[in-house]
Amino acid sequence: MLRFIVRRLLQAVVALFVLSILLFAWLRSLPGGVVSALLGERGTPESAARLREQLGLDDPIFVQYWRFIVKAVQGDFGISNGVYRGQPALDVFIQRFPATIELSFFALLIALTFAIPLGYAAARRRGGPLDTGSVVFSLVGVAVPVFFLAYVLKYVFAVQLGWLPPSGRQSVGIDATHITNMYVLDGVLTREWDAVWDALRHLVLPAIALSSIPFAVTFRITRAAVIDVMDEDYVRTARAKGLTSSVIRTRHIMRNALIPVVTIVGLQVGALLGGAILTEKVFAFQGIGQAFAIGFEQRDYPVLQVLIIMSAFIYIIVNLLVDIAYAVIDPRVRT
């Protein structure tokens, strides 16, 4: 197991190294560049040349890349010039990340709560109305863009019916104490139940919109895995031995069927982070997705750097944990 973990860690380091090269090259190839973004429309050729010299942009590219890596390791990604003007870019990530974690957690919770039981039930009733309807519903979930679903949910349930808030993370009139910047968790820790309820109401629509693709993918993987496992010899042997249906379902079917599901859940973290950009933009949800969108609009390159690097790092760590869980469930993976 230790060799397996070390091998995965080395692969993660290589992936981050390659990403840093691509990010470094991409940001310096964008129209206008860092100098134009910092100076704005009032910049002159003289001030641009002076700023390029101050930033070291006239140095050889390898020197610039080494300086970029050294500063990134130290947590210095520059100063934000758009999202939170004048603040360190890393602080933007630290302030915004808890909101995205909270939104992604509830979106994944919604997806798994419905996808796994429904996938199992559809597989048990293969070809029936439940199976057919569930497959069609999952196809719709994959086909409908996240931002379109977000706008529909917002228009129907917030604008037309007025059941839920249309935007933000918490109502202005709520006097809440923020410890972790995860509003639901903060309300639970401080026992401010009105803040918990208000934060949950603000989470419902964006979480449902963000959960659409993870739900559809997880449902289809669960259904296919359960169908495959149900046809295995050891399941038929278990039935022949007279084991109860609950034992067969938990020990033989679901335990083996969840192996590919665990893998796909880890991969969905990337989809959640990507979908959060559109979802948070629609609902004005103050997470890293909204910061990413603002950073692109205002050419806030320091913020874009830290958001891309840290999002990739989190994605790699989550998938490393999934690989370890996969190896624990199925020892064959270790070899």
Protein backbone atom coordinates (compact mmCIF):
# COMPACT_ATOMS: atom_id res chain seq x y z
CA MET A 1 0.00 0.00 0.00
CA LEU A 2 2.85 2.41 0.86
CA ARG A 3 4.48 1.91 -2.55
CA PHE A 4 1.11 2.50 -4.18
CA ILE A 5 0.67 5.83 -2.31
CA VAL A 6 4.24 6.97 -3.07
CA ARG A 7 3.76 6.21 -6.76
CA ARG A 8 0.55 8.23 -6.84
CA LEU A 9 2.24 11.13 -5.01
CA LEU A 10 5.05 11.22 -7.56
CA GLN A 11 2.49 11.26 -10.36
CA ALA A 12 0.73 14.17 -8.63
CA VAL A 13 3.99 16.15 -8.42
CA VAL A 14 4.65 15.61 -12.13
CA ALA A 15 1.09 16.68 -12.98
CA LEU A 16 1.46 19.92 -10.98
CA PHE A 17 4.82 20.62 -12.62
CA VAL A 18 3.37 20.23 -16.12
CA LEU A 19 0.37 22.37 -15.16
CA SER A 20 2.67 25.14 -13.86
CA ILE A 21 4.47 25.25 -17.23
CA LEU A 22 1.19 25.40 -19.18
CA LEU A 23 -0.24 28.06 -16.85
CA PHE A 24 2.92 30.16 -17.03
CA ALA A 25 2.94 30.05 -20.83
CA TRP A 26 -0.82 30.58 -21.21
CA LEU A 27 -1.08 33.65 -18.97
CA ARG A 28 1.80 35.32 -20.77
CA SER A 29 0.22 34.70 -24.17
CA LEU A 30 -3.11 36.36 -23.34
CA PRO A 31 -3.94 39.60 -25.22
CA GLY A 32 -2.57 42.66 -23.46
CA GLY A 33 -0.59 40.73 -20.90
CA VAL A 34 0.06 41.56 -17.26
CA VAL A 35 1.47 45.04 -17.95
CA SER A 36 -1.60 46.17 -19.88
CA ALA A 37 -3.91 44.77 -17.18
CA LEU A 38 -2.08 46.65 -14.43
CA LEU A 39 -1.70 49.99 -16.22
CA GLY A 40 -5.10 50.07 -17.89
CA GLU A 41 -6.01 52.57 -20.58
CA ARG A 42 -3.80 55.33 -19.11
CA GLY A 43 -0.59 53.42 -19.66
CA THR A 44 2.10 54.95 -21.86
CA PRO A 45 4.97 53.20 -23.65
CA GLU A 46 7.38 54.64 -21.09
CA SER A 47 5.35 53.47 -18.07
CA ALA A 48 4.85 50.07 -19.70
CA ALA A 49 8.59 49.66 -20.26
CA ARG A 50 9.29 50.75 -16.68
CA LEU A 51 6.74 48.28 -15.27
CA ARG A 52 8.08 45.44 -17.42
CA GLU A 53 11.51 46.08 -15.97
CA GLN A 54 10.14 46.17 -12.41
CA LEU A 55 8.27 42.88 -12.92
CA GLY A 56 11.29 41.24 -14.53
CA LEU A 57 9.44 40.55 -17.77
CA ASP A 58 12.51 41.47 -19.80
CA ASP A 59 14.48 38.61 -18.25
CA PRO A 60 14.92 35.29 -20.11
CA ILE A 61 11.83 33.10 -20.00
CA PHE A 62 13.54 30.41 -17.91
CA VAL A 63 14.49 33.02 -15.29
CA GLN A 64 10.90 34.26 -15.21
CA TYR A 65 9.58 30.71 -14.79
CA TRP A 66 11.98 29.93 -11.95
CA ARG A 67 10.96 33.17 -10.20
CA PHE A 68 7.31 32.20 -10.70
CA ILE A 69 7.84 28.75 -9.13
CA VAL A 70 9.79 30.13 -6.15
CA LYS A 71 7.11 32.71 -5.39
CA ALA A 72 4.30 30.18 -5.87
CA VAL A 73 5.90 27.80 -3.35
CA GLN A 74 6.05 30.73 -0.91
CA GLY A 75 2.39 31.56 -1.54
CA ASP A 76 3.17 34.78 -3.40
CA PHE A 77 1.05 34.94 -6.55
CA GLY A 78 0.96 38.72 -6.78
CA ILE A 79 -1.62 41.39 -5.95
CA SER A 80 -5.20 41.31 -7.19
CA ASN A 81 -6.09 44.13 -9.57
CA GLY A 82 -9.74 43.23 -10.11
CA VAL A 83 -11.52 40.83 -7.74
CA TYR A 84 -10.27 42.35 -4.46
CA ARG A 85 -8.12 45.21 -5.69
CA GLY A 86 -4.94 45.66 -3.67
CA GLN A 87 -5.17 42.37 -1.75
CA PRO A 88 -2.78 39.42 -2.19
CA ALA A 89 -4.16 36.97 -4.74
CA LEU A 90 -3.79 34.07 -2.30
CA ASP A 91 -6.09 35.88 0.14
CA VAL A 92 -8.77 35.97 -2.55
CA PHE A 93 -8.61 32.19 -2.77
CA ILE A 94 -8.62 31.75 1.02
CA GLN A 95 -11.66 34.00 1.43
CA ARG A 96 -13.61 32.53 -1.48
CA PHE A 97 -12.75 28.84 -1.29
CA PRO A 98 -14.97 27.89 1.71
CA ALA A 99 -18.05 29.05 -0.21
CA THR A 100 -17.24 26.80 -3.16
CA ILE A 101 -16.47 23.88 -0.84
CA GLU A 102 -19.85 24.32 0.84
CA LEU A 103 -21.69 24.54 -2.48
CA SER A 104 -19.83 21.56 -3.97
CA PHE A 105 -20.42 19.46 -0.87
CA PHE A 106 -24.18 19.96 -0.96
CA ALA A 107 -24.30 19.46 -4.73
CA LEU A 108 -22.40 16.17 -4.41
CA LEU A 109 -24.57 15.15 -1.46
CA ILE A 110 -27.73 15.72 -3.51
CA ALA A 111 -26.28 13.83 -6.48
CA LEU A 112 -25.15 10.77 -4.48
CA THR A 113 -28.28 10.64 -2.31
CA PHE A 114 -30.48 10.18 -5.35
CA ALA A 115 -28.14 8.67 -7.96
CA ILE A 116 -26.91 5.55 -6.12
CA PRO A 117 -30.30 4.28 -4.83
CA LEU A 118 -31.98 5.13 -8.12
CA GLY A 119 -29.21 3.43 -10.11
CA TYR A 120 -29.59 0.29 -8.00
CA ALA A 121 -33.39 0.31 -8.30
CA ALA A 122 -33.22 0.86 -12.08
CA ALA A 123 -30.77 -2.04 -12.48
CA ARG A 124 -33.01 -4.36 -10.44
CA ARG A 125 -35.95 -3.46 -12.71
CA ARG A 126 -34.03 -3.48 -15.97
CA GLY A 127 -36.24 -2.60 -18.94
CA GLY A 128 -39.16 -1.50 -16.78
CA PRO A 129 -40.79 1.94 -16.56
CA LEU A 130 -38.55 3.05 -13.68
CA ASP A 131 -35.42 2.05 -15.58
CA THR A 132 -36.52 3.71 -18.81
CA GLY A 133 -37.65 6.90 -17.11
CA SER A 134 -34.48 7.15 -15.03
CA VAL A 135 -32.23 6.70 -18.06
CA VAL A 136 -34.09 9.41 -19.97
CA PHE A 137 -33.91 11.73 -16.95
CA SER A 138 -30.17 11.15 -16.62
CA LEU A 139 -29.67 11.92 -20.32
CA VAL A 140 -31.48 15.21 -19.84
CA GLY A 141 -29.24 15.95 -16.86
CA VAL A 142 -26.13 15.49 -18.98
CA ALA A 143 -27.48 17.31 -22.04
CA VAL A 144 -28.84 20.46 -20.36
CA PRO A 145 -26.06 23.03 -19.75
CA VAL A 146 -25.52 23.93 -16.12
CA PHE A 147 -25.95 27.67 -16.67
CA PHE A 148 -29.27 27.14 -18.52
CA LEU A 149 -30.63 24.95 -15.72
CA ALA A 150 -29.44 27.54 -13.20
CA TYR A 151 -31.33 30.33 -14.98
CA VAL A 152 -34.48 28.19 -15.24
CA LEU A 153 -34.41 27.30 -11.54
CA LYS A 154 -33.75 30.90 -10.59
CA TYR A 155 -36.58 32.23 -12.77
CA VAL A 156 -39.18 29.66 -11.65
CA PHE A 157 -38.49 29.22 -7.93
CA ALA A 158 -37.00 32.62 -7.04
CA VAL A 159 -38.54 35.14 -9.44
CA GLN A 160 -41.95 33.65 -10.28
CA LEU A 161 -42.81 31.67 -7.13
CA GLY A 162 -40.62 33.56 -4.67
CA TRP A 163 -39.96 30.42 -2.63
CA LEU A 164 -36.18 30.76 -2.48
CA PRO A 165 -33.63 33.61 -2.61
CA PRO A 166 -32.41 34.50 -6.12
CA SER A 167 -28.78 35.24 -5.27
CA GLY A 168 -26.11 35.56 -2.61
CA ARG A 169 -25.12 33.30 0.28
CA GLN A 170 -27.09 34.88 3.13
CA SER A 171 -29.70 37.57 3.61
CA VAL A 172 -28.45 41.05 4.46
CA GLY A 173 -30.53 41.26 7.64
CA ILE A 174 -29.01 38.10 9.18
CA ASP A 175 -26.55 38.89 11.96
CA ALA A 176 -24.36 35.79 11.70
CA THR A 177 -20.97 34.93 13.13
CA HIS A 178 -18.51 33.67 10.51
CA ILE A 179 -15.73 31.38 11.73
CA THR A 180 -14.85 29.12 8.81
CA ASN A 181 -16.67 31.17 6.15
CA MET A 182 -18.85 28.12 5.48
CA TYR A 183 -22.10 29.70 6.50
CA VAL A 184 -24.04 26.52 7.31
CA LEU A 185 -21.20 25.10 9.39
CA ASP A 186 -20.66 28.45 11.11
CA GLY A 187 -24.32 28.61 12.08
CA VAL A 188 -24.18 25.09 13.51
CA LEU A 189 -21.00 25.82 15.49
CA THR A 190 -22.43 29.04 16.96
CA ARG A 191 -25.96 27.59 17.27
CA GLU A 192 -27.41 30.45 15.24
CA TRP A 193 -30.16 28.35 13.72
CA ASP A 194 -31.75 31.24 11.84
CA ALA A 195 -28.43 31.73 10.03
CA VAL A 196 -28.26 28.00 9.25
CA TRP A 197 -31.76 28.00 7.77
CA ASP A 198 -31.12 31.14 5.75
CA ALA A 199 -27.81 29.81 4.38
CA LEU A 200 -29.47 26.51 3.42
CA ARG A 201 -32.24 28.34 1.56
CA HIS A 202 -29.58 30.24 -0.43
CA LEU A 203 -27.82 26.95 -1.21
CA VAL A 204 -30.80 25.00 -2.56
CA LEU A 205 -31.03 26.36 -6.11
CA PRO A 206 -27.29 26.58 -6.92
CA ALA A 207 -26.66 23.15 -5.37
CA ILE A 208 -29.44 21.53 -7.43
CA ALA A 209 -28.15 23.16 -10.62
CA LEU A 210 -24.57 22.10 -9.90
CA SER A 211 -25.60 18.54 -8.99
CA SER A 212 -27.25 17.79 -12.34
CA ILE A 213 -24.20 16.38 -14.15
CA PRO A 214 -22.72 14.47 -11.16
CA PHE A 215 -26.16 12.95 -10.58
CA ALA A 216 -26.53 11.81 -14.19
CA VAL A 217 -23.01 10.38 -14.45
CA THR A 218 -23.14 8.62 -11.05
CA PHE A 219 -26.57 7.16 -11.80
CA ARG A 220 -25.48 5.67 -15.10
CA ILE A 221 -22.25 4.23 -13.65
CA THR A 222 -24.13 2.75 -10.67
CA ARG A 223 -26.79 1.21 -12.89
CA ALA A 224 -24.23 -0.34 -15.27
CA ALA A 225 -22.07 -1.62 -12.39
CA VAL A 226 -25.02 -3.22 -10.58
CA ILE A 227 -26.19 -4.93 -13.78
CA ASP A 228 -22.70 -6.36 -14.33
CA VAL A 229 -22.37 -7.57 -10.74
CA MET A 230 -25.83 -9.15 -10.65
CA ASP A 231 -24.79 -11.45 -13.50
CA GLU A 232 -21.64 -12.68 -11.72
CA ASP A 233 -21.32 -16.30 -10.58
CA TYR A 234 -20.70 -15.40 -6.93
CA VAL A 235 -24.07 -13.61 -6.74
CA ARG A 236 -25.87 -16.66 -8.12
CA THR A 237 -23.93 -18.85 -5.69
CA ALA A 238 -24.96 -16.64 -2.79
CA ARG A 239 -28.61 -16.98 -3.81
CA ALA A 240 -28.22 -20.75 -4.12
CA LYS A 241 -26.83 -20.90 -0.59
CA GLY A 242 -30.04 -19.31 0.67
CA LEU A 243 -28.55 -16.01 1.85
CA THR A 244 -31.07 -13.28 2.52
CA SER A 245 -31.62 -10.59 -0.09
CA SER A 246 -30.27 -7.89 2.24
CA VAL A 247 -26.98 -9.77 2.72
CA ILE A 248 -26.64 -10.37 -1.02
CA ARG A 249 -27.42 -6.73 -1.74
CA THR A 250 -24.95 -5.24 0.75
CA ARG A 251 -22.06 -7.74 0.80
CA HIS A 252 -22.04 -9.03 -2.75
CA ILE A 253 -23.77 -6.58 -5.08
CA MET A 254 -23.29 -3.05 -3.72
CA ARG A 255 -19.79 -3.59 -2.30
CA ASN A 256 -18.48 -4.65 -5.71
CA ALA A 257 -20.65 -2.28 -7.72
CA LEU A 258 -19.40 0.75 -5.76
CA ILE A 259 -15.80 0.28 -6.94
CA PRO A 260 -16.27 2.19 -10.23
CA VAL A 261 -18.66 4.58 -8.49
CA VAL A 262 -15.92 5.63 -6.04
CA THR A 263 -13.65 6.40 -8.97
CA ILE A 264 -16.21 8.45 -10.85
CA VAL A 265 -17.10 10.45 -7.73
CA GLY A 266 -13.49 11.57 -7.49
CA LEU A 267 -13.50 12.64 -11.12
CA GLN A 268 -16.69 14.63 -10.53
CA VAL A 269 -14.80 17.00 -8.24
CA GLY A 270 -13.28 18.57 -11.34
CA ALA A 271 -16.72 18.86 -12.91
CA LEU A 272 -18.04 20.52 -9.77
CA LEU A 273 -15.23 23.09 -9.74
CA GLY A 274 -15.79 23.79 -13.43
CA GLY A 275 -19.56 24.00 -13.10
CA ALA A 276 -19.22 26.27 -10.08
CA ILE A 277 -17.88 29.02 -12.34
CA LEU A 278 -21.18 29.23 -14.22
CA THR A 279 -23.43 28.43 -11.26
CA GLU A 280 -21.84 30.97 -8.93
CA LYS A 281 -21.98 33.60 -11.66
CA VAL A 282 -25.73 33.10 -12.16
CA PHE A 283 -26.57 33.13 -8.45
CA ALA A 284 -23.95 35.75 -7.43
CA PHE A 285 -22.54 33.14 -5.05
CA GLN A 286 -19.28 34.51 -3.65
CA GLY A 287 -17.00 31.52 -4.27
CA ILE A 288 -13.92 30.87 -6.38
CA GLY A 289 -16.12 30.27 -9.43
CA GLN A 290 -17.44 33.82 -9.34
CA ALA A 291 -13.92 35.10 -8.62
CA PHE A 292 -12.68 33.17 -11.65
CA ALA A 293 -15.31 34.80 -13.88
CA ILE A 294 -14.51 38.28 -12.55
CA GLY A 295 -10.80 37.60 -12.95
CA PHE A 296 -11.29 36.80 -16.63
CA GLU A 297 -13.46 39.86 -17.21
CA GLN A 298 -11.01 42.24 -15.52
CA ARG A 299 -7.81 40.44 -16.56
CA ASP A 300 -6.84 39.83 -12.95
CA TYR A 301 -3.95 37.50 -13.81
CA PRO A 302 -2.58 37.03 -10.26
CA VAL A 303 -6.00 35.78 -9.10
CA LEU A 304 -6.35 33.53 -12.15
CA GLN A 305 -2.94 32.03 -11.38
CA VAL A 306 -3.74 31.13 -7.78
CA LEU A 307 -7.24 29.88 -8.57
CA ILE A 308 -6.04 27.55 -11.33
CA ILE A 309 -3.06 26.22 -9.35
CA MET A 310 -5.00 25.67 -6.13
CA SER A 311 -8.02 24.13 -7.91
CA ALA A 312 -5.72 21.70 -9.71
CA PHE A 313 -3.95 20.87 -6.44
CA ILE A 314 -7.26 20.13 -4.70
CA TYR A 315 -8.42 18.03 -7.66
CA ILE A 316 -5.20 15.98 -7.55
CA ILE A 317 -5.43 15.46 -3.78
CA VAL A 318 -9.06 14.33 -4.01
CA ASN A 319 -8.22 11.87 -6.75
CA LEU A 320 -5.27 10.59 -4.72
CA LEU A 321 -7.66 9.89 -1.84
CA VAL A 322 -10.03 8.19 -4.28
CA ASP A 323 -7.19 6.01 -5.58
CA ILE A 324 -6.34 5.00 -2.01
CA ALA A 325 -9.98 4.22 -1.26
CA TYR A 326 -10.15 2.25 -4.51
CA ALA A 327 -7.09 0.21 -3.46
CA VAL A 328 -8.64 -0.47 -0.05
CA ILE A 329 -11.89 -1.69 -1.61
CA ASP A 330 -10.20 -3.73 -4.35
CA PRO A 331 -6.71 -5.03 -3.39
CA ARG A 332 -6.05 -5.98 -7.03
CA VAL A 333 -5.53 -2.30 -7.85
CA ARG A 334 -2.37 -2.16 -5.71
CA THR A 335 -0.59 -4.51 -8.12
